[in-house]
Each structure stands twice: as structure tokens, then as C-alpha cells.
């Protein structure tokens, strides 16, 4: 794969993540700042390092599974690894300006 093709797959992954919503907050997980890192390798592996708004989130399993399933549908992705981390701990400063506006926090 060329660097441009890898970049295109990564852009598609971001667009996919922007269509996955936290079940308790009406904002997508990407703009919420829950996605810390996206690593896509030419062999088709997408690794998503992400967090949750709270470590005891009752919807954690559902959200991780949704990320797995949706990212796996991106053309060029053959496998998905979701790494759930709480370092650093999420806070509202990680939200995009768009998310802050949507939640009337600006």
C-alpha cells in the first residue's frame, strides 16, 4: 500500500468512528475525545486505542463491540484491535469544539 492509500483508510476509519455514539451522550465517540489513537498497518490491521467517559461505564462492552464491528467494515481493514485504556483519564477538555457546541458547553 502507498502512504496515500494508508492515509485514505485512516480517514475512512475516522469517518466511521464519527458515526458511533456514546449511548449516554448524544455525541460521537471521536468528537467526545474517546479515541486516543488510530494505527492502521498495510497488512490491514486497525488498532484503536480508546477510553470511556467513566471506568465503570455500563455500556463499555457494547461500545467496544460497536467499534470493532463498524471499523471492520471499512474497505482495507482485515482485523481490528480495540485497546481500552484509562490513561490518561478522560475529561471534557478532550472534546472537540464541535462536541462542546453540541452539548452547549461553549
Protein backbone atom coordinates (compact mmCIF):
# COMPACT_ATOMS: atom_id res chain seq x y z
CA UNK A 1 0.00 0.00 0.00
CA UNK A 2 1.13 3.52 -0.71
CA UNK A 3 1.25 6.12 2.07
CA UNK A 4 -1.69 7.84 0.37
CA UNK A 5 -3.75 4.64 0.46
CA UNK A 6 -2.95 4.14 4.15
CA UNK A 7 -3.97 7.74 4.85
CA UNK A 8 -7.23 7.20 2.97
CA UNK A 9 -8.09 4.10 5.06
CA UNK A 10 -7.31 6.04 8.23
CA UNK A 11 -9.64 8.84 7.09
CA UNK A 12 -12.39 6.27 6.48
CA UNK A 13 -11.82 4.85 9.97
CA UNK A 14 -12.23 8.35 11.45
CA UNK A 15 -15.46 8.87 9.48
CA UNK A 16 -16.70 5.52 10.78
CA UNK A 17 -15.86 6.43 14.38
CA UNK A 18 -17.74 9.72 13.92
CA UNK A 19 -20.86 7.62 13.32
CA UNK A 20 -20.58 5.72 16.61
CA UNK A 21 -22.27 7.45 19.50
CA UNK A 22 -21.81 7.11 23.22
CA UNK A 23 -25.14 5.64 24.37
CA UNK A 24 -25.41 8.12 27.24
CA UNK A 25 -24.23 11.31 25.48
CA UNK A 26 -25.62 12.38 22.08
CA UNK A 27 -22.14 12.99 20.60
CA UNK A 28 -19.97 10.64 18.56
CA UNK A 29 -17.04 8.96 20.31
CA UNK A 30 -14.44 10.66 18.10
CA UNK A 31 -15.59 14.22 18.88
CA UNK A 32 -16.05 13.27 22.53
CA UNK A 33 -12.31 12.63 22.60
CA UNK A 34 -12.68 8.96 23.50
CA UNK A 35 -10.40 7.86 20.65
CA UNK A 36 -6.77 8.42 21.63
CA UNK A 37 -5.01 6.74 18.72
CA UNK A 38 -5.71 5.08 15.38
CA UNK A 39 -2.98 2.90 13.91
CA UNK A 40 -3.54 1.24 10.56
CA UNK A 41 -0.87 -1.01 9.09
CA UNK A 42 -0.53 -2.09 5.45
CA UNK A 43 -1.41 -5.68 6.38
CA UNK A 44 -4.96 -4.47 7.11
CA UNK A 45 -4.80 -4.29 10.91
CA UNK A 46 -6.52 -1.34 12.57
CA UNK A 47 -5.65 -0.72 16.20
CA UNK A 48 -7.88 1.75 18.03
CA UNK A 49 -6.73 2.95 21.46
CA UNK A 50 -9.67 4.50 23.24
CA UNK A 51 -11.21 5.22 26.59
CA UNK A 52 -14.65 5.69 28.12
CA UNK A 53 -16.16 8.69 29.87
CA UNK A 54 -16.04 6.69 33.12
CA UNK A 55 -14.21 3.46 34.04
CA UNK A 56 -17.42 1.89 35.35
CA UNK A 57 -19.42 2.68 32.21
CA UNK A 58 -22.22 0.09 31.99
CA UNK A 59 -22.17 0.29 28.18
CA UNK A 60 -18.42 -0.41 27.82
CA UNK A 61 -18.76 -3.85 26.22
CA UNK A 62 -21.39 -2.65 23.77
CA UNK A 63 -19.34 0.39 22.75
CA UNK A 64 -16.13 -1.62 22.22
CA UNK A 65 -18.03 -4.22 20.20
CA UNK A 66 -19.64 -1.49 18.08
CA UNK A 67 -16.20 -0.02 17.31
CA UNK A 68 -14.92 -3.49 16.40
CA UNK A 69 -17.84 -4.26 14.09
CA UNK A 70 -18.05 -0.88 12.37
CA UNK A 71 -14.31 -0.40 11.77
CA UNK A 72 -14.10 -3.96 10.40
CA UNK A 73 -16.46 -2.85 7.61
CA UNK A 74 -14.02 -0.21 6.33
CA UNK A 75 -12.53 -1.20 2.97
CA UNK A 76 -8.96 -2.36 3.53
CA UNK A 77 -9.42 -3.33 7.17
CA UNK A 78 -8.91 -7.05 7.76
CA UNK A 79 -8.73 -7.08 11.55
CA UNK A 80 -9.48 -4.68 14.38
CA UNK A 81 -7.87 -4.45 17.80
CA UNK A 82 -9.55 -2.17 20.31
CA UNK A 83 -7.37 -1.29 23.26
CA UNK A 84 -9.33 0.17 26.15
CA UNK A 85 -7.27 2.40 28.42
CA UNK A 86 -7.88 4.83 31.23
CA UNK A 87 -4.50 6.53 30.98
CA UNK A 88 -4.98 9.40 30.63
CA UNK A 89 -8.37 9.61 32.28
CA UNK A 90 -10.96 11.23 30.01
CA UNK A 91 -12.29 14.67 30.84
CA UNK A 92 -14.31 17.24 28.90
CA UNK A 93 -11.18 19.12 27.80
CA UNK A 94 -10.64 16.25 25.33
CA UNK A 95 -13.86 17.04 23.49
CA UNK A 96 -13.76 18.76 20.12
CA UNK A 97 -15.15 22.27 19.78
CA UNK A 98 -17.99 20.74 17.73
CA UNK A 99 -18.92 18.43 20.62
CA UNK A 100 -18.76 21.26 23.15
CA UNK A 101 -21.07 23.34 20.97
CA UNK A 102 -23.46 20.44 20.50
CA UNK A 103 -23.71 19.99 24.26
CA UNK A 104 -23.98 23.76 24.88
CA UNK A 105 -20.73 23.78 26.87
CA UNK A 106 -19.22 26.72 24.96
